[in-house]
C-alpha atoms as a PDB file:
ATOM      1  CA  MET A   1     -12.594  33.491 -70.543  1.00  0.00           C
ATOM      2  CA  THR A   2     -15.525  32.233 -68.660  1.00  0.00           C
ATOM      3  CA  ASP A   3     -15.367  28.835 -70.567  1.00  0.00           C
ATOM      4  CA  GLN A   4     -11.991  28.770 -69.441  1.00  0.00           C
ATOM      5  CA  LEU A   5     -12.462  29.950 -65.702  1.00  0.00           C
ATOM      6  CA  GLY A   6     -15.334  27.207 -65.406  1.00  0.00           C
ATOM      7  CA  ALA A   7     -13.395  24.763 -66.618  1.00  0.00           C
ATOM      8  CA  TRP A   8     -10.574  24.913 -64.263  1.00  0.00           C
ATOM      9  CA  VAL A   9     -13.252  25.255 -61.348  1.00  0.00           C
ATOM     10  CA  ALA A  10     -14.215  21.941 -62.725  1.00  0.00           C
ATOM     11  CA  ILE A  11     -10.890  20.387 -62.925  1.00  0.00           C
ATOM     12  CA  VAL A  12      -9.730  21.740 -59.007  1.00  0.00           C
ATOM     13  CA  GLY A  13     -13.308  20.349 -57.684  1.00  0.00           C
ATOM     14  CA  GLY A  14     -12.639  17.489 -59.425  1.00  0.00           C
ATOM     15  CA  VAL A  15      -8.730  17.219 -58.053  1.00  0.00           C
ATOM     16  CA  LEU A  16     -10.481  18.113 -54.770  1.00  0.00           C
ATOM     17  CA  VAL A  17     -13.309  15.420 -54.786  1.00  0.00           C
ATOM     18  CA  ILE A  18     -10.719  12.428 -55.709  1.00  0.00           C
ATOM     19  CA  LEU A  19      -8.298  13.515 -52.903  1.00  0.00           C
ATOM     20  CA  GLY A  20     -11.168  13.904 -50.063  1.00  0.00           C
ATOM     21  CA  MET A  21     -11.966   9.878 -51.596  1.00  0.00           C
ATOM     22  CA  LEU A  22      -8.747   8.876 -50.968  1.00  0.00           C
ATOM     23  CA  TRP A  23      -8.165  10.568 -47.805  1.00  0.00           C
ATOM     24  CA  ARG A  24     -10.944   8.526 -46.443  1.00  0.00           C
ATOM     25  CA  VAL A  25     -10.224   5.557 -47.896  1.00  0.00           C
ATOM     26  CA  ALA A  26      -6.382   5.709 -47.410  1.00  0.00           C
ATOM     27  CA  GLY A  27      -6.287   8.219 -44.092  1.00  0.00           C
ATOM     28  CA  LEU A  28      -8.027   5.877 -41.377  1.00  0.00           C
ATOM     29  CA  PRO A  29      -5.273   3.216 -41.829  1.00  0.00           C
ATOM     30  CA  ILE A  30      -2.393   6.261 -41.908  1.00  0.00           C
ATOM     31  CA  ARG A  31      -4.077   8.016 -38.575  1.00  0.00           C
ATOM     32  CA  ARG A  32      -3.994   4.664 -36.997  1.00  0.00           C
ATOM     33  CA  ILE A  33      -0.262   4.271 -37.931  1.00  0.00           C
ATOM     34  CA  ALA A  34       0.231   7.694 -36.523  1.00  0.00           C
ATOM     35  CA  GLU A  35      -1.753   6.874 -33.236  1.00  0.00           C
ATOM     36  CA  ARG A  36       0.533   3.940 -32.735  1.00  0.00           C
ATOM     37  CA  GLN A  37       3.531   5.693 -32.952  1.00  0.00           C
ATOM     38  CA  ASP A  38       2.290   8.565 -30.913  1.00  0.00           C
ATOM     39  CA  GLU A  39       1.654   5.684 -28.154  1.00  0.00           C
ATOM     40  CA  PHE A  40       4.798   4.476 -28.765  1.00  0.00           C
ATOM     41  CA  ARG A  41       6.261   7.675 -28.417  1.00  0.00           C
ATOM     42  CA  GLU A  42       4.879   8.407 -25.366  1.00  0.00           C
ATOM     43  CA  ASP A  43       5.306   5.058 -23.828  1.00  0.00           C
ATOM     44  CA  TRP A  44       9.314   5.628 -24.854  1.00  0.00           C
ATOM     45  CA  THR A  45       9.350   8.956 -23.577  1.00  0.00           C
ATOM     46  CA  GLY A  46       7.400   9.220 -20.517  1.00  0.00           C
ATOM     47  CA  ARG A  47       4.373  11.047 -19.601  1.00  0.00           C
ATOM     48  CA  PRO A  48       4.350  14.116 -17.171  1.00  0.00           C
ATOM     49  CA  ALA A  49       1.959  14.644 -14.223  1.00  0.00           C
ATOM     50  CA  ARG A  50      -1.225  16.473 -14.949  1.00  0.00           C
ATOM     51  CA  PRO A  51      -4.129  17.166 -12.767  1.00  0.00           C
ATOM     52  CA  GLY A  52      -5.976  13.998 -11.101  1.00  0.00           C
ATOM     53  CA  ARG A  53      -3.129  11.960 -13.162  1.00  0.00           C
ATOM     54  CA  PRO A  54       0.414  10.642 -11.891  1.00  0.00           C
ATOM     55  CA  ALA A  55       3.823  11.047 -14.304  1.00  0.00           C
ATOM     56  CA  VAL A  56       4.726   7.830 -16.261  1.00  0.00           C
ATOM     57  CA  PRO A  57       8.193   7.393 -16.427  1.00  0.00           C
ATOM     58  CA  GLY A  58       9.671   6.516 -19.580  1.00  0.00           C
ATOM     59  CA  VAL A  59      11.909   3.287 -20.497  1.00  0.00           C
ATOM     60  CA  MET A  60      14.791   4.839 -19.921  1.00  0.00           C
ATOM     61  CA  GLU A  61      13.991   5.514 -16.507  1.00  0.00           C
ATOM     62  CA  ARG A  62      12.256   2.121 -15.951  1.00  0.00           C
ATOM     63  CA  LEU A  63      15.433   0.577 -16.901  1.00  0.00           C
ATOM     64  CA  ALA A  64      17.607   2.873 -14.940  1.00  0.00           C
ATOM     65  CA  ALA A  65      15.099   1.677 -11.626  1.00  0.00           C
ATOM     66  CA  ILE A  66      15.752  -1.743 -12.706  1.00  0.00           C
ATOM     67  CA  GLU A  67      19.157  -1.792 -13.106  1.00  0.00           C
ATOM     68  CA  ALA A  68      19.285  -0.201  -9.257  1.00  0.00           C
ATOM     69  CA  ARG A  69      17.289  -2.876  -8.121  1.00  0.00           C
ATOM     70  CA  VAL A  70      19.290  -5.921  -9.606  1.00  0.00           C
ATOM     71  CA  THR A  71      22.340  -3.892  -8.170  1.00  0.00           C
ATOM     72  CA  ALA A  72      20.936  -4.068  -4.754  1.00  0.00           C
ATOM     73  CA  VAL A  73      19.727  -7.158  -5.039  1.00  0.00           C
ATOM     74  CA  GLU A  74      23.249  -8.461  -6.465  1.00  0.00           C
ATOM     75  CA  HIS A  75      25.078  -6.834  -3.472  1.00  0.00           C
ATOM     76  CA  GLU A  76      22.911  -9.184  -0.893  1.00  0.00           C
ATOM     77  CA  MET A  77      23.512 -12.355  -2.497  1.00  0.00           C
ATOM     78  CA  ARG A  78      27.629 -11.931  -2.372  1.00  0.00           C
ATOM     79  CA  PRO A  79      29.296 -12.413   0.410  1.00  0.00           C
ATOM     80  CA  ASN A  80      31.195  -9.032   1.941  1.00  0.00           C
ATOM     81  CA  SER A  81      32.375  -8.299   5.901  1.00  0.00           C
ATOM     82  CA  GLY A  82      28.956  -9.889   7.367  1.00  0.00           C
ATOM     83  CA  SER A  83      26.230  -7.525   6.382  1.00  0.00           C
ATOM     84  CA  SER A  84      24.929  -8.669   3.588  1.00  0.00           C
ATOM     85  CA  LEU A  85      21.980 -11.684   3.121  1.00  0.00           C
ATOM     86  CA  ARG A  86      24.375 -14.178   1.895  1.00  0.00           C
ATOM     87  CA  ASP A  87      26.473 -13.732   5.292  1.00  0.00           C
ATOM     88  CA  ALA A  88      23.505 -14.381   7.204  1.00  0.00           C
ATOM     89  CA  VAL A  89      22.535 -17.484   5.414  1.00  0.00           C
ATOM     90  CA  ASP A  90      26.252 -18.616   5.626  1.00  0.00           C
ATOM     91  CA  ARG A  91      25.827 -18.094   9.522  1.00  0.00           C
ATOM     92  CA  VAL A  92      22.681 -19.614  10.145  1.00  0.00           C
ATOM     93  CA  GLU A  93      23.989 -22.598   7.887  1.00  0.00           C
ATOM     94  CA  GLN A  94      27.160 -23.263  10.150  1.00  0.00           C
ATOM     95  CA  ALA A  95      25.350 -22.519  13.649  1.00  0.00           C
ATOM     96  CA  VAL A  96      22.597 -25.300  12.390  1.00  0.00           C
ATOM     97  CA  ARG A  97      25.538 -27.719  10.831  1.00  0.00           C
ATOM     98  CA  PRO A  98      26.233 -30.495  13.317  1.00  0.00           C
ATOM     99  CA  PRO A  99      29.739 -31.257  13.666  1.00  0.00           C
ATOM    100  CA  ALA A 100      31.366 -33.358  11.181  1.00  0.00           C
ATOM    101  CA  GLY A 101      31.884 -36.591  13.222  1.00  0.00           C
ATOM    102  CA  PRO A 102      34.271 -39.687  12.332  1.00  0.00           C
ATOM    103  CA  GLY A 103      33.361 -41.319   8.863  1.00  0.00           C
ATOM    104  CA  THR A 104      31.031 -38.715   7.422  1.00  0.00           C
END
């Protein structure tokens, strides 16, 4: 009985040593991949504010902000009853354009 127990302890110990060696060899790349996935997830979802650090918006929040800014710029680039930048440029162009004369 003692011989069987000793054999089992040796087998389990050997398996644990082999697993430990495999973890040292294969564990580093696995940990690096896991860290990269954590960084990606944090970039995608954002990060809440914490003491001494401002909040970092996630990708969807950033896209919504970009879309809002593009919409505002598009609004200014189209004529719309006189209040857009495009209307102002058209008024200035009309004011500085010389009158069309004969032969032009």
